[in-house]
Amino acid sequence: MSHVRFQTPKVIGSVLALLVVVGFPATSWVYWPAVGEAGVLPPEADTILIPMMESIFLATVMAPVVAVISWLCLRGTAPPVKLLAWDGSRPVLSGLVSVCALPPLVVSVLSLWGEVCAPPGWHGLWWVPYTMLVMLWVAMMRSAALSKRNGS
């Protein structure tokens, strides 16, 4: 895995950022109808449309945050970018960037574990591709931030 290198980190990072923002409501719009059709929601529940519309709102709130993080991490990045990058000349920065990337990765791993270990027939598996996409985006932003050109 340490041999994985991205030759065009800005293009890949931008596409991943776009997919992180658009993928959330897209997955939500597949997941909630599947849950509704499964009959697991209480009959007095309002509607599945509420969480589906909330996902669009959250995506619009999330878009500037993802864009700023992507821009900060990708600017001045020199290809190729190693996925498990570590800047030995700046170990404190490498440690801080890694610590900042750790909480989203831990949440993603726990979410992935919950989705995969759910009872058979549960629809949490719809979130697995999106969760893995978010994990890849976080890892890519971490590695891009640590693969900066000298002086930038």
N, C-alpha and C. Protein backbone atom coordinates (compact mmCIF):
# COMPACT_ATOMS: atom_id res chain seq x y z
N MET A 1 0.82 -1.20 0.00
CA MET A 1 0.00 0.00 0.00
C MET A 1 0.86 1.25 0.00
N SER A 2 2.07 1.16 0.52
CA SER A 2 2.92 2.34 0.55
C SER A 2 3.43 2.70 -0.85
N HIS A 3 3.22 1.81 -1.82
CA HIS A 3 3.66 2.07 -3.17
C HIS A 3 2.63 2.81 -4.00
N VAL A 4 1.45 3.04 -3.44
CA VAL A 4 0.40 3.73 -4.18
C VAL A 4 0.80 5.19 -4.33
N ARG A 5 0.88 5.64 -5.58
CA ARG A 5 1.25 7.04 -5.87
C ARG A 5 0.22 7.62 -6.83
N PHE A 6 -0.08 8.88 -6.62
CA PHE A 6 -1.00 9.59 -7.49
C PHE A 6 -0.20 10.59 -8.31
N GLN A 7 -0.22 10.44 -9.63
CA GLN A 7 0.55 11.33 -10.50
C GLN A 7 -0.14 12.69 -10.69
N THR A 8 -1.44 12.72 -10.59
CA THR A 8 -2.20 13.97 -10.76
C THR A 8 -3.04 14.22 -9.51
N PRO A 9 -2.39 14.61 -8.41
CA PRO A 9 -3.14 14.72 -7.15
C PRO A 9 -4.22 15.78 -7.16
N LYS A 10 -4.02 16.88 -7.89
CA LYS A 10 -5.03 17.94 -7.89
C LYS A 10 -6.30 17.50 -8.59
N VAL A 11 -6.18 16.79 -9.69
CA VAL A 11 -7.36 16.32 -10.42
C VAL A 11 -8.08 15.26 -9.60
N ILE A 12 -7.33 14.28 -9.11
CA ILE A 12 -7.94 13.21 -8.33
C ILE A 12 -8.55 13.76 -7.05
N GLY A 13 -7.85 14.65 -6.37
CA GLY A 13 -8.37 15.25 -5.14
C GLY A 13 -9.63 16.07 -5.38
N SER A 14 -9.67 16.80 -6.48
CA SER A 14 -10.86 17.59 -6.80
C SER A 14 -12.05 16.71 -7.13
N VAL A 15 -11.81 15.64 -7.88
CA VAL A 15 -12.89 14.71 -8.22
C VAL A 15 -13.39 14.02 -6.96
N LEU A 16 -12.48 13.60 -6.08
CA LEU A 16 -12.90 12.97 -4.83
C LEU A 16 -13.70 13.94 -3.97
N ALA A 17 -13.29 15.20 -3.91
CA ALA A 17 -14.04 16.19 -3.13
C ALA A 17 -15.45 16.36 -3.68
N LEU A 18 -15.56 16.42 -5.00
CA LEU A 18 -16.89 16.54 -5.61
C LEU A 18 -17.74 15.30 -5.29
N LEU A 19 -17.15 14.13 -5.37
CA LEU A 19 -17.89 12.90 -5.08
C LEU A 19 -18.29 12.79 -3.61
N VAL A 20 -17.46 13.33 -2.71
CA VAL A 20 -17.81 13.32 -1.29
C VAL A 20 -19.05 14.18 -1.05
N VAL A 21 -19.12 15.33 -1.71
CA VAL A 21 -20.26 16.22 -1.52
C VAL A 21 -21.51 15.67 -2.21
N VAL A 22 -21.40 15.24 -3.45
CA VAL A 22 -22.56 14.77 -4.21
C VAL A 22 -22.98 13.36 -3.77
N GLY A 23 -22.02 12.56 -3.32
CA GLY A 23 -22.32 11.19 -2.94
C GLY A 23 -23.19 11.06 -1.71
N PHE A 24 -23.12 12.03 -0.81
CA PHE A 24 -23.93 11.94 0.41
C PHE A 24 -25.42 11.98 0.11
N PRO A 25 -25.93 13.01 -0.58
CA PRO A 25 -27.36 12.97 -0.88
C PRO A 25 -27.74 11.85 -1.85
N ALA A 26 -26.84 11.51 -2.77
CA ALA A 26 -27.16 10.43 -3.72
C ALA A 26 -27.35 9.12 -2.96
N THR A 27 -26.46 8.82 -2.03
CA THR A 27 -26.60 7.60 -1.24
C THR A 27 -27.84 7.66 -0.36
N SER A 28 -28.08 8.81 0.23
CA SER A 28 -29.26 8.97 1.07
C SER A 28 -30.55 8.74 0.29
N TRP A 29 -30.58 9.19 -0.95
CA TRP A 29 -31.78 9.04 -1.78
C TRP A 29 -31.97 7.60 -2.25
N VAL A 30 -30.96 6.76 -2.11
CA VAL A 30 -31.11 5.32 -2.39
C VAL A 30 -31.43 4.58 -1.10
N TYR A 31 -30.76 4.98 -0.01
CA TYR A 31 -30.88 4.28 1.27
C TYR A 31 -32.29 4.41 1.87
N TRP A 32 -32.80 5.62 1.99
CA TRP A 32 -34.07 5.83 2.68
C TRP A 32 -35.26 5.18 1.98
N PRO A 33 -35.37 5.20 0.66
CA PRO A 33 -36.46 4.44 0.04
C PRO A 33 -36.34 2.93 0.29
N ALA A 34 -35.11 2.42 0.34
CA ALA A 34 -34.92 0.99 0.63
C ALA A 34 -35.38 0.67 2.06
N VAL A 35 -35.07 1.53 3.01
CA VAL A 35 -35.51 1.34 4.38
C VAL A 35 -37.03 1.45 4.46
N GLY A 36 -37.60 2.42 3.74
CA GLY A 36 -39.05 2.58 3.73
C GLY A 36 -39.76 1.36 3.17
N GLU A 37 -39.24 0.80 2.10
CA GLU A 37 -39.85 -0.39 1.50
C GLU A 37 -39.67 -1.63 2.35
N ALA A 38 -38.64 -1.65 3.21
CA ALA A 38 -38.41 -2.82 4.06
C ALA A 38 -39.44 -2.93 5.17
N GLY A 39 -40.13 -1.84 5.47
CA GLY A 39 -41.16 -1.87 6.50
C GLY A 39 -40.63 -1.87 7.91
N VAL A 40 -39.41 -1.39 8.11
CA VAL A 40 -38.82 -1.37 9.45
C VAL A 40 -39.11 -0.07 10.20
N LEU A 41 -39.62 0.91 9.51
CA LEU A 41 -39.94 2.18 10.18
C LEU A 41 -41.32 2.07 10.82
N PRO A 42 -41.53 2.74 11.96
CA PRO A 42 -42.84 2.68 12.60
C PRO A 42 -43.91 3.32 11.71
N PRO A 43 -45.13 2.80 11.76
CA PRO A 43 -46.18 3.33 10.89
C PRO A 43 -46.54 4.79 11.18
N GLU A 44 -46.28 5.25 12.40
CA GLU A 44 -46.60 6.64 12.73
C GLU A 44 -45.48 7.60 12.36
N ALA A 45 -44.42 7.09 11.74
CA ALA A 45 -43.30 7.94 11.32
C ALA A 45 -43.79 8.92 10.25
N ASP A 46 -43.21 10.11 10.25
CA ASP A 46 -43.67 11.16 9.34
C ASP A 46 -43.48 10.74 7.88
N THR A 47 -42.24 10.75 7.44
CA THR A 47 -41.96 10.44 6.05
C THR A 47 -40.46 10.23 5.87
N ILE A 48 -40.10 9.48 4.85
CA ILE A 48 -38.67 9.33 4.55
C ILE A 48 -38.14 10.54 3.80
N LEU A 49 -39.03 11.40 3.35
CA LEU A 49 -38.61 12.58 2.60
C LEU A 49 -37.81 13.56 3.47
N ILE A 50 -38.09 13.58 4.77
CA ILE A 50 -37.40 14.51 5.66
C ILE A 50 -35.89 14.24 5.69
N PRO A 51 -35.44 13.01 5.98
CA PRO A 51 -33.98 12.80 5.96
C PRO A 51 -33.38 12.91 4.57
N MET A 52 -34.17 12.61 3.54
CA MET A 52 -33.65 12.75 2.18
C MET A 52 -33.39 14.22 1.85
N MET A 53 -34.30 15.10 2.23
CA MET A 53 -34.11 16.53 1.98
C MET A 53 -33.01 17.10 2.89
N GLU A 54 -32.91 16.57 4.12
CA GLU A 54 -31.83 17.01 5.01
C GLU A 54 -30.47 16.70 4.41
N SER A 55 -30.37 15.60 3.68
CA SER A 55 -29.09 15.25 3.08
C SER A 55 -28.67 16.29 2.04
N ILE A 56 -29.61 16.86 1.34
CA ILE A 56 -29.28 17.92 0.38
C ILE A 56 -28.81 19.16 1.12
N PHE A 57 -29.50 19.50 2.21
CA PHE A 57 -29.08 20.65 3.02
C PHE A 57 -27.68 20.43 3.59
N LEU A 58 -27.43 19.22 4.14
CA LEU A 58 -26.10 18.93 4.70
C LEU A 58 -25.02 18.96 3.62
N ALA A 59 -25.35 18.53 2.42
CA ALA A 59 -24.37 18.57 1.33
C ALA A 59 -24.02 20.01 0.97
N THR A 60 -25.00 20.91 1.00
CA THR A 60 -24.70 22.32 0.69
C THR A 60 -23.88 22.96 1.81
N VAL A 61 -24.11 22.53 3.05
CA VAL A 61 -23.30 23.03 4.17
C VAL A 61 -21.91 22.43 4.11
N MET A 62 -21.82 21.16 3.71
CA MET A 62 -20.55 20.45 3.67
C MET A 62 -19.68 20.90 2.50
N ALA A 63 -20.27 21.36 1.41
CA ALA A 63 -19.53 21.70 0.19
C ALA A 63 -18.42 22.72 0.42
N PRO A 64 -18.69 23.87 1.08
CA PRO A 64 -17.59 24.82 1.28
C PRO A 64 -16.49 24.27 2.19
N VAL A 65 -16.86 23.48 3.19
CA VAL A 65 -15.86 22.90 4.10
C VAL A 65 -14.95 21.95 3.33
N VAL A 66 -15.54 21.07 2.53
CA VAL A 66 -14.77 20.12 1.74
C VAL A 66 -13.91 20.87 0.72
N ALA A 67 -14.46 21.92 0.11
CA ALA A 67 -13.70 22.69 -0.88
C ALA A 67 -12.50 23.39 -0.26
N VAL A 68 -12.68 23.98 0.91
CA VAL A 68 -11.57 24.68 1.58
C VAL A 68 -10.50 23.69 2.02
N ILE A 69 -10.92 22.57 2.61
CA ILE A 69 -9.93 21.56 3.03
C ILE A 69 -9.16 21.05 1.81
N SER A 70 -9.88 20.77 0.73
CA SER A 70 -9.23 20.27 -0.48
C SER A 70 -8.26 21.31 -1.04
N TRP A 71 -8.67 22.56 -1.09
CA TRP A 71 -7.80 23.61 -1.63
C TRP A 71 -6.55 23.77 -0.77
N LEU A 72 -6.73 23.79 0.55
CA LEU A 72 -5.57 23.95 1.44
C LEU A 72 -4.60 22.78 1.32
N CYS A 73 -5.12 21.58 1.18
CA CYS A 73 -4.25 20.40 1.11
C CYS A 73 -3.60 20.24 -0.27
N LEU A 74 -4.31 20.63 -1.33
CA LEU A 74 -3.81 20.36 -2.68
C LEU A 74 -2.95 21.48 -3.25
N ARG A 75 -3.04 22.68 -2.72
CA ARG A 75 -2.24 23.76 -3.31
C ARG A 75 -0.76 23.53 -3.01
N GLY A 76 0.04 23.71 -4.03
CA GLY A 76 1.48 23.53 -3.89
C GLY A 76 1.93 22.09 -3.79
N THR A 77 1.06 21.16 -4.13
CA THR A 77 1.42 19.75 -4.05
C THR A 77 2.23 19.36 -5.27
N ALA A 78 3.31 18.66 -5.04
CA ALA A 78 4.17 18.21 -6.13
C ALA A 78 3.91 16.73 -6.40
N PRO A 79 3.52 16.38 -7.64
CA PRO A 79 3.33 14.96 -7.93
C PRO A 79 4.68 14.25 -7.97
N PRO A 80 4.76 12.98 -7.75
CA PRO A 80 3.69 12.09 -7.33
C PRO A 80 3.44 12.19 -5.83
N VAL A 81 2.22 11.90 -5.42
CA VAL A 81 1.84 11.93 -4.01
C VAL A 81 1.72 10.49 -3.52
N LYS A 82 2.45 10.17 -2.47
CA LYS A 82 2.37 8.83 -1.87
C LYS A 82 1.23 8.81 -0.88
N LEU A 83 0.43 7.74 -0.91
CA LEU A 83 -0.73 7.66 -0.03
C LEU A 83 -0.32 7.64 1.44
N LEU A 84 0.77 7.01 1.77
CA LEU A 84 1.26 6.96 3.15
C LEU A 84 2.45 7.89 3.33
N ALA A 85 2.33 9.11 2.85
CA ALA A 85 3.43 10.08 2.90
C ALA A 85 3.77 10.45 4.34
N TRP A 86 5.05 10.72 4.56
CA TRP A 86 5.54 11.22 5.84
C TRP A 86 6.72 12.13 5.53
N ASP A 87 6.65 13.36 5.97
CA ASP A 87 7.72 14.33 5.72
C ASP A 87 8.71 14.28 6.88
N GLY A 88 9.82 13.58 6.67
CA GLY A 88 10.83 13.43 7.71
C GLY A 88 11.51 14.74 8.09
N SER A 89 11.51 15.72 7.16
CA SER A 89 12.13 17.00 7.48
C SER A 89 11.22 17.87 8.36
N ARG A 90 9.93 17.53 8.41
CA ARG A 90 8.97 18.26 9.25
C ARG A 90 8.12 17.26 10.03
N PRO A 91 8.71 16.58 11.02
CA PRO A 91 7.97 15.53 11.73
C PRO A 91 6.80 16.07 12.57
N VAL A 92 6.93 17.29 13.09
CA VAL A 92 5.83 17.85 13.89
C VAL A 92 4.62 18.11 13.00
N LEU A 93 4.85 18.69 11.82
CA LEU A 93 3.76 18.93 10.88
C LEU A 93 3.15 17.62 10.42
N SER A 94 3.98 16.64 10.14
CA SER A 94 3.47 15.33 9.71
C SER A 94 2.60 14.71 10.80
N GLY A 95 3.05 14.84 12.04
CA GLY A 95 2.27 14.31 13.15
C GLY A 95 0.95 15.03 13.33
N LEU A 96 0.98 16.37 13.24
CA LEU A 96 -0.26 17.15 13.40
C LEU A 96 -1.27 16.85 12.29
N VAL A 97 -0.80 16.78 11.06
CA VAL A 97 -1.69 16.47 9.95
C VAL A 97 -2.28 15.07 10.10
N SER A 98 -1.45 14.14 10.54
CA SER A 98 -1.93 12.77 10.75
C SER A 98 -2.95 12.70 11.88
N VAL A 99 -2.71 13.44 12.96
CA VAL A 99 -3.66 13.47 14.07
C VAL A 99 -4.98 14.11 13.64
N CYS A 100 -4.92 15.14 12.79
CA CYS A 100 -6.15 15.77 12.30
C CYS A 100 -6.94 14.83 11.38
N ALA A 101 -6.24 13.98 10.66
CA ALA A 101 -6.92 13.04 9.76
C ALA A 101 -7.44 11.82 10.50
N LEU A 102 -6.96 11.58 11.69
CA LEU A 102 -7.34 10.38 12.43
C LEU A 102 -8.82 10.33 12.84
N PRO A 103 -9.41 11.38 13.42
CA PRO A 103 -10.83 11.27 13.82
C PRO A 103 -11.78 10.92 12.68
N PRO A 104 -11.70 11.59 11.50
CA PRO A 104 -12.61 11.17 10.43
C PRO A 104 -12.37 9.74 9.97
N LEU A 105 -11.11 9.31 9.98
CA LEU A 105 -10.81 7.94 9.58
C LEU A 105 -11.35 6.94 10.59
N VAL A 106 -11.24 7.24 11.88
CA VAL A 106 -11.76 6.34 12.92
C VAL A 106 -13.29 6.26 12.82
N VAL A 107 -13.94 7.39 12.65
CA VAL A 107 -15.40 7.39 12.49
C VAL A 107 -15.80 6.59 11.26
N SER A 108 -15.05 6.74 10.18
CA SER A 108 -15.36 6.00 8.95
C SER A 108 -15.17 4.50 9.15
N VAL A 109 -14.11 4.11 9.83
CA VAL A 109 -13.87 2.68 10.08
C VAL A 109 -14.97 2.10 10.97
N LEU A 110 -15.36 2.83 12.02
CA LEU A 110 -16.44 2.36 12.88
C LEU A 110 -17.76 2.29 12.12
N SER A 111 -18.02 3.25 11.27
CA SER A 111 -19.22 3.23 10.45
C SER A 111 -19.20 2.05 9.49
N LEU A 112 -18.07 1.82 8.88
CA LEU A 112 -17.91 0.69 7.97
C LEU A 112 -18.13 -0.63 8.70
N TRP A 113 -17.60 -0.73 9.90
CA TRP A 113 -17.78 -1.93 10.71
C TRP A 113 -19.26 -2.16 11.01
N GLY A 114 -19.97 -1.10 11.39
CA GLY A 114 -21.39 -1.21 11.67
C GLY A 114 -22.21 -1.58 10.45
N GLU A 115 -21.80 -1.07 9.30
CA GLU A 115 -22.53 -1.37 8.07
C GLU A 115 -22.33 -2.83 7.64
N VAL A 116 -21.11 -3.31 7.77
CA VAL A 116 -20.80 -4.67 7.33
C VAL A 116 -21.34 -5.70 8.31
N CYS A 117 -21.35 -5.39 9.60
CA CYS A 117 -21.77 -6.34 10.63
C CYS A 117 -23.27 -6.26 10.93
N ALA A 118 -24.02 -5.48 10.18
CA ALA A 118 -25.46 -5.38 10.40
C ALA A 118 -26.13 -6.71 10.08
N PRO A 119 -27.32 -6.93 10.63
CA PRO A 119 -28.02 -8.19 10.33
C PRO A 119 -28.29 -8.33 8.84
N PRO A 120 -28.38 -9.57 8.36
CA PRO A 120 -28.65 -9.79 6.93
C PRO A 120 -29.96 -9.11 6.52
N GLY A 121 -29.93 -8.52 5.36
CA GLY A 121 -31.13 -7.83 4.87
C GLY A 121 -31.20 -6.37 5.27
N TRP A 122 -30.30 -5.92 6.13
CA TRP A 122 -30.33 -4.52 6.52
C TRP A 122 -29.72 -3.69 5.40
N HIS A 123 -30.18 -2.48 5.26
CA HIS A 123 -29.80 -1.66 4.11
C HIS A 123 -28.62 -0.74 4.38
N GLY A 124 -27.92 -0.94 5.49
CA GLY A 124 -26.74 -0.12 5.78
C GLY A 124 -25.62 -0.34 4.79
N LEU A 125 -25.68 -1.45 4.06
CA LEU A 125 -24.63 -1.71 3.07
C LEU A 125 -24.64 -0.70 1.94
N TRP A 126 -25.73 0.03 1.77
CA TRP A 126 -25.76 1.09 0.76
C TRP A 126 -24.73 2.17 1.05
N TRP A 127 -24.34 2.32 2.32
CA TRP A 127 -23.40 3.37 2.71
C TRP A 127 -21.94 2.95 2.58
N VAL A 128 -21.66 1.67 2.34
CA VAL A 128 -20.27 1.20 2.26
C VAL A 128 -19.46 1.92 1.18
N PRO A 129 -19.94 2.04 -0.06
CA PRO A 129 -19.12 2.75 -1.06
C PRO A 129 -18.86 4.21 -0.68
N TYR A 130 -19.87 4.88 -0.13
CA TYR A 130 -19.67 6.28 0.25
C TYR A 130 -18.67 6.39 1.40
N THR A 131 -18.77 5.50 2.37
CA THR A 131 -17.84 5.51 3.51
C THR A 131 -16.41 5.29 3.03
N MET A 132 -16.23 4.35 2.11
CA MET A 132 -14.89 4.10 1.58
C MET A 132 -14.39 5.28 0.76
N LEU A 133 -15.28 5.97 0.06
CA LEU A 133 -14.91 7.16 -0.69
C LEU A 133 -14.43 8.26 0.26
N VAL A 134 -15.13 8.46 1.36
CA VAL A 134 -14.72 9.47 2.35
C VAL A 134 -13.37 9.10 2.94
N MET A 135 -13.16 7.82 3.23
CA MET A 135 -11.86 7.39 3.76
C MET A 135 -10.74 7.67 2.76
N LEU A 136 -10.99 7.41 1.48
CA LEU A 136 -9.99 7.68 0.46
C LEU A 136 -9.71 9.17 0.34
N TRP A 137 -10.76 10.00 0.41
CA TRP A 137 -10.58 11.45 0.32
C TRP A 137 -9.75 11.97 1.49
N VAL A 138 -10.06 11.50 2.71
CA VAL A 138 -9.30 11.95 3.88
C VAL A 138 -7.84 11.52 3.77
N ALA A 139 -7.61 10.28 3.35
CA ALA A 139 -6.23 9.80 3.20
C ALA A 139 -5.50 10.57 2.11
N MET A 140 -6.21 10.89 1.03
CA MET A 140 -5.60 11.65 -0.07
C MET A 140 -5.27 13.08 0.37
N MET A 141 -6.14 13.72 1.13
CA MET A 141 -5.87 15.08 1.60
C MET A 141 -4.69 15.08 2.57
N ARG A 142 -4.62 14.07 3.43
CA ARG A 142 -3.49 13.96 4.36
C ARG A 142 -2.18 13.81 3.59
N SER A 143 -2.18 12.91 2.63
CA SER A 143 -0.94 12.67 1.88
C SER A 143 -0.58 13.87 1.01
N ALA A 144 -1.57 14.55 0.45
CA ALA A 144 -1.28 15.73 -0.37
C ALA A 144 -0.71 16.86 0.50
N ALA A 145 -1.24 17.00 1.71
CA ALA A 145 -0.75 18.06 2.60
C ALA A 145 0.71 17.79 3.00
N LEU A 146 1.08 16.52 3.06
CA LEU A 146 2.46 16.19 3.45
C LEU A 146 3.40 16.07 2.27
N SER A 147 2.89 16.17 1.07
CA SER A 147 3.73 16.04 -0.14
C SER A 147 3.94 17.38 -0.82
N LYS A 148 3.99 18.43 -0.05
CA LYS A 148 4.16 19.79 -0.59
C LYS A 148 5.56 19.98 -1.14
N ARG A 149 5.64 20.88 -2.12
CA ARG A 149 6.96 21.30 -2.60
C ARG A 149 7.64 22.10 -1.52
N ASN A 150 8.94 22.06 -1.49
CA ASN A 150 9.68 22.88 -0.53
C ASN A 150 9.46 24.35 -0.81
N GLY A 151 9.16 25.10 0.25
CA GLY A 151 8.99 26.53 0.11
C GLY A 151 7.57 26.97 -0.20
N SER A 152 6.61 26.03 -0.26
CA SER A 152 5.22 26.45 -0.53
C SER A 152 4.34 26.21 0.65
